[in-house]
Amino acid sequence: MRRYVSDAAELTEEYGIQIGRWKQYRDLGPLPFDAMWCVIPPGGSSAEDVHPEVEFAVVTRGTAIYEEGGEKVEVPTGGVILLDPEQRHVIHNPSPVQPLTILSIYWMPQDAAAVADAADADAAAATDGASGGAGRD
């Protein structure tokens, strides 16, 4: 069992906020996704961001306000927002005292399709095996 905590992560300045890429955890080896900690100071905001990846962002501390084209969505601690590829967004930390921490997990969309196809094939194989291998002698 391994434990990773945002407070102990090596952070760099990117997108106008502090970022801790999970590549720093060399003991993980290759993962089927990329991930990073995002830390936004009290009252701060990220720069506008747009990227080709799907992003699954979990708010681990504080409340985030995601903004896209004037629309704002509040995401509390424990909440998740899913961003589609090329979806422009800004993240705001409305707290005047508490940093906002987000775990961002992201991947290229075609990777997700390949994973879904493999999962469907595994499920079909498991179903065939459970039914005695329909079509086999």
Foldseek 3Di string as FASTA:
>chain_A
DDDDDPVPADWDQDQNWTKGWPVVVVVVPDDLWTKIKTKAFAFGKGHKDAAQKKKKKAWQDAWKWKDAPRDTDIAGHRGIDIDHHRGIIMIGGHGNHDMTIMMIIIDHVVSVVVVVVVVVVVVVVVVCVVVVNPPDD
